[in-house]
Each structure stands twice: as structure tokens, then as C-alpha cells.
Amino acid sequence: MANDRRTRAYVTRRTREGKTTRDIIRYLKRAVARQVFHLLTHPQPAIAVTGLRTARKRLGLTLNDVAVAVDSNPSKLSLLERGLTHDDDFTARYRHWLREQGTTNPAHNAA
């Protein structure tokens, strides 16, 4: 409950409604079960990570540069770029950030 921002927001909202921690955990378990069932019955392909490393290198950025900018760590970025880990939300944010860097620094677009 402490790591995912959506879960933290849900817990905060339910706590304000007067729900106990035990109730909140029960609600979360049900929500997870619904999501897992949906994913099992309607599998979705993972967001493609191809091109992330190429885009980063084209911009002349190191893993450390990007890690500081997107508030992550270089090892997570490396695993993501190589397709060894999957985090659809983070991948989308990372891809969006890279696009913004390309549009804000046109000198890199010429390469």
C-alpha cells in the first residue's frame, strides 16, 4: 500500500470515509482479483520498449542524466530499455520525457 501512488490515494480516500485498514485491504484484494481475472481473460500486449535506448543516445544523454531527470535509478532504466522489466506507466512517462527533450533541444534532432 505504500509504493503505488494510485493505491496510496485510494487508501487516503477510504480512510477519510471512515473505513478501517482491514476493510481497505479487503477492498484492495478484491480490486486486484478483478484486475488479474480481466488480464487473464483479456491479455494485453506490453508497451513496446524498442527505441528507448536509441532515442536516449540520439539525444546524447546518459542513463544517469535521465535517471536524475525522471526521478528513477540507472539500473531500472537499463532493465527497461533492454526489455528485462515491464512497467507500462513508467515506460509511457519515459517515452514522453524523451520526446519532450527532442522537441526542446532541436540541435539533437539534426542528428
C-alpha atoms as a PDB file:
ATOM      1  CA  MET A   1       0.000   0.000   0.000  1.00  0.00           C
ATOM      2  CA  ALA A   2       2.967   2.319   0.411  1.00  0.00           C
ATOM      3  CA  ASN A   3       4.559   2.109  -3.045  1.00  0.00           C
ATOM      4  CA  ASP A   4       1.892   2.728  -5.678  1.00  0.00           C
ATOM      5  CA  ARG A   5       0.606   6.307  -5.873  1.00  0.00           C
ATOM      6  CA  ARG A   6      -2.866   5.189  -7.002  1.00  0.00           C
ATOM      7  CA  THR A   7      -3.121   2.817  -4.059  1.00  0.00           C
ATOM      8  CA  ARG A   8      -1.969   5.499  -1.616  1.00  0.00           C
ATOM      9  CA  ALA A   9      -4.629   7.875  -2.976  1.00  0.00           C
ATOM     10  CA  TYR A  10      -7.262   5.142  -2.652  1.00  0.00           C
ATOM     11  CA  VAL A  11      -6.230   4.348   0.936  1.00  0.00           C
ATOM     12  CA  THR A  12      -6.309   8.039   1.847  1.00  0.00           C
ATOM     13  CA  ARG A  13      -9.758   8.472   0.317  1.00  0.00           C
ATOM     14  CA  ARG A  14     -11.179   5.374   2.025  1.00  0.00           C
ATOM     15  CA  THR A  15      -9.620   6.354   5.372  1.00  0.00           C
ATOM     16  CA  ARG A  16     -11.336   9.750   5.137  1.00  0.00           C
ATOM     17  CA  GLU A  17     -14.598   7.868   4.537  1.00  0.00           C
ATOM     18  CA  GLY A  18     -14.065   6.154   7.889  1.00  0.00           C
ATOM     19  CA  LYS A  19     -13.088   2.708   6.613  1.00  0.00           C
ATOM     20  CA  THR A  20     -10.744   0.586   8.712  1.00  0.00           C
ATOM     21  CA  THR A  21      -7.404  -0.689   7.462  1.00  0.00           C
ATOM     22  CA  ARG A  22      -8.835  -4.185   7.437  1.00  0.00           C
ATOM     23  CA  ASP A  23     -11.737  -3.086   5.200  1.00  0.00           C
ATOM     24  CA  ILE A  24      -9.403  -1.205   2.873  1.00  0.00           C
ATOM     25  CA  ILE A  25      -7.157  -4.245   2.460  1.00  0.00           C
ATOM     26  CA  ARG A  26     -10.198  -6.392   1.704  1.00  0.00           C
ATOM     27  CA  TYR A  27     -11.344  -3.879  -0.967  1.00  0.00           C
ATOM     28  CA  LEU A  28      -7.851  -3.815  -2.461  1.00  0.00           C
ATOM     29  CA  LYS A  29      -7.695  -7.615  -2.611  1.00  0.00           C
ATOM     30  CA  ARG A  30     -10.990  -7.662  -4.486  1.00  0.00           C
ATOM     31  CA  ALA A  31      -9.763  -4.994  -6.900  1.00  0.00           C
ATOM     32  CA  VAL A  32      -6.555  -6.935  -7.547  1.00  0.00           C
ATOM     33  CA  ALA A  33      -8.530 -10.136  -8.114  1.00  0.00           C
ATOM     34  CA  ARG A  34     -10.760  -8.338 -10.652  1.00  0.00           C
ATOM     35  CA  GLN A  35      -7.734  -6.932 -12.486  1.00  0.00           C
ATOM     36  CA  VAL A  36      -5.933 -10.273 -12.562  1.00  0.00           C
ATOM     37  CA  PHE A  37      -9.047 -12.056 -13.839  1.00  0.00           C
ATOM     38  CA  HIS A  38      -9.506  -9.418 -16.538  1.00  0.00           C
ATOM     39  CA  LEU A  39      -5.858  -9.698 -17.626  1.00  0.00           C
ATOM     40  CA  LEU A  40      -6.071 -13.484 -17.714  1.00  0.00           C
ATOM     41  CA  THR A  41      -9.215 -13.461 -19.823  1.00  0.00           C
ATOM     42  CA  HIS A  42      -8.229 -10.451 -21.992  1.00  0.00           C
ATOM     43  CA  PRO A  43      -4.417 -10.416 -22.252  1.00  0.00           C
ATOM     44  CA  GLN A  44      -2.891  -7.137 -23.438  1.00  0.00           C
ATOM     45  CA  PRO A  45       0.495  -6.843 -25.110  1.00  0.00           C
ATOM     46  CA  ALA A  46       3.132  -4.968 -23.151  1.00  0.00           C
ATOM     47  CA  ILE A  47       4.075  -1.479 -24.277  1.00  0.00           C
ATOM     48  CA  ALA A  48       6.956  -1.763 -26.719  1.00  0.00           C
ATOM     49  CA  VAL A  49      10.262  -0.583 -25.315  1.00  0.00           C
ATOM     50  CA  THR A  50      12.051  -0.605 -28.652  1.00  0.00           C
ATOM     51  CA  GLY A  51      13.701   2.657 -29.459  1.00  0.00           C
ATOM     52  CA  LEU A  52      14.062   3.981 -25.912  1.00  0.00           C
ATOM     53  CA  ARG A  53      17.813   3.431 -25.748  1.00  0.00           C
ATOM     54  CA  THR A  54      18.279   4.679 -29.313  1.00  0.00           C
ATOM     55  CA  ALA A  55      16.286   7.843 -28.580  1.00  0.00           C
ATOM     56  CA  ARG A  56      18.233   8.482 -25.377  1.00  0.00           C
ATOM     57  CA  LYS A  57      21.578   8.021 -27.110  1.00  0.00           C
ATOM     58  CA  ARG A  58      20.497  10.185 -30.042  1.00  0.00           C
ATOM     59  CA  LEU A  59      19.882  12.980 -27.532  1.00  0.00           C
ATOM     60  CA  GLY A  60      23.348  12.413 -26.077  1.00  0.00           C
ATOM     61  CA  LEU A  61      22.003  11.521 -22.630  1.00  0.00           C
ATOM     62  CA  THR A  62      23.498   9.016 -20.221  1.00  0.00           C
ATOM     63  CA  LEU A  63      21.451   6.720 -18.026  1.00  0.00           C
ATOM     64  CA  ASN A  64      22.485   8.858 -15.048  1.00  0.00           C
ATOM     65  CA  ASP A  65      21.256  12.052 -16.751  1.00  0.00           C
ATOM     66  CA  VAL A  66      17.876  10.521 -17.429  1.00  0.00           C
ATOM     67  CA  ALA A  67      17.618   8.848 -14.016  1.00  0.00           C
ATOM     68  CA  VAL A  68      18.038  12.199 -12.265  1.00  0.00           C
ATOM     69  CA  ALA A  69      15.551  13.905 -14.596  1.00  0.00           C
ATOM     70  CA  VAL A  70      12.792  11.285 -14.268  1.00  0.00           C
ATOM     71  CA  ASP A  71      13.420  10.532 -10.584  1.00  0.00           C
ATOM     72  CA  SER A  72      14.459   6.925 -11.053  1.00  0.00           C
ATOM     73  CA  ASN A  73      17.698   4.981 -10.955  1.00  0.00           C
ATOM     74  CA  PRO A  74      20.011   3.997 -13.818  1.00  0.00           C
ATOM     75  CA  SER A  75      19.619   0.259 -13.263  1.00  0.00           C
ATOM     76  CA  LYS A  76      15.819   0.471 -13.593  1.00  0.00           C
ATOM     77  CA  LEU A  77      16.195   2.441 -16.821  1.00  0.00           C
ATOM     78  CA  SER A  78      18.727  -0.035 -18.185  1.00  0.00           C
ATOM     79  CA  LEU A  79      16.480  -3.010 -17.431  1.00  0.00           C
ATOM     80  CA  LEU A  80      13.541  -1.213 -19.024  1.00  0.00           C
ATOM     81  CA  GLU A  81      15.471  -0.270 -22.161  1.00  0.00           C
ATOM     82  CA  ARG A  82      16.631  -3.864 -22.616  1.00  0.00           C
ATOM     83  CA  GLY A  83      13.115  -5.242 -22.123  1.00  0.00           C
ATOM     84  CA  LEU A  84      14.049  -7.174 -18.977  1.00  0.00           C
ATOM     85  CA  THR A  85      11.413  -5.474 -16.826  1.00  0.00           C
ATOM     86  CA  HIS A  86       7.989  -4.066 -17.577  1.00  0.00           C
ATOM     87  CA  ASP A  87       6.325  -1.000 -16.123  1.00  0.00           C
ATOM     88  CA  ASP A  88       3.789   0.404 -18.573  1.00  0.00           C
ATOM     89  CA  ASP A  89       3.182   3.655 -16.664  1.00  0.00           C
ATOM     90  CA  PHE A  90       6.877   4.383 -16.286  1.00  0.00           C
ATOM     91  CA  THR A  91       7.610   3.396 -19.900  1.00  0.00           C
ATOM     92  CA  ALA A  92       4.983   5.839 -21.144  1.00  0.00           C
ATOM     93  CA  ARG A  93       6.347   8.621 -18.906  1.00  0.00           C
ATOM     94  CA  TYR A  94       9.929   7.895 -20.009  1.00  0.00           C
ATOM     95  CA  ARG A  95       8.970   7.875 -23.714  1.00  0.00           C
ATOM     96  CA  HIS A  96       7.046  11.158 -23.267  1.00  0.00           C
ATOM     97  CA  TRP A  97      10.018  12.734 -21.465  1.00  0.00           C
ATOM     98  CA  LEU A  98      12.375  11.683 -24.264  1.00  0.00           C
ATOM     99  CA  ARG A  99      10.048  13.211 -26.867  1.00  0.00           C
ATOM    100  CA  GLU A 100       9.945  16.463 -24.898  1.00  0.00           C
ATOM    101  CA  GLN A 101      13.742  16.557 -24.802  1.00  0.00           C
ATOM    102  CA  GLY A 102      13.852  16.113 -28.567  1.00  0.00           C
ATOM    103  CA  THR A 103      11.464  18.997 -29.171  1.00  0.00           C
ATOM    104  CA  THR A 104      13.041  21.362 -26.633  1.00  0.00           C
ATOM    105  CA  ASN A 105      16.550  20.826 -27.951  1.00  0.00           C
ATOM    106  CA  PRO A 106      16.323  20.951 -31.769  1.00  0.00           C
ATOM    107  CA  ALA A 107      20.105  20.647 -32.142  1.00  0.00           C
ATOM    108  CA  HIS A 108      19.730  16.962 -31.231  1.00  0.00           C
ATOM    109  CA  ASN A 109      17.051  16.450 -33.894  1.00  0.00           C
ATOM    110  CA  ALA A 110      19.515  17.176 -36.697  1.00  0.00           C
ATOM    111  CA  ALA A 111      21.498  14.013 -35.934  1.00  0.00           C
END
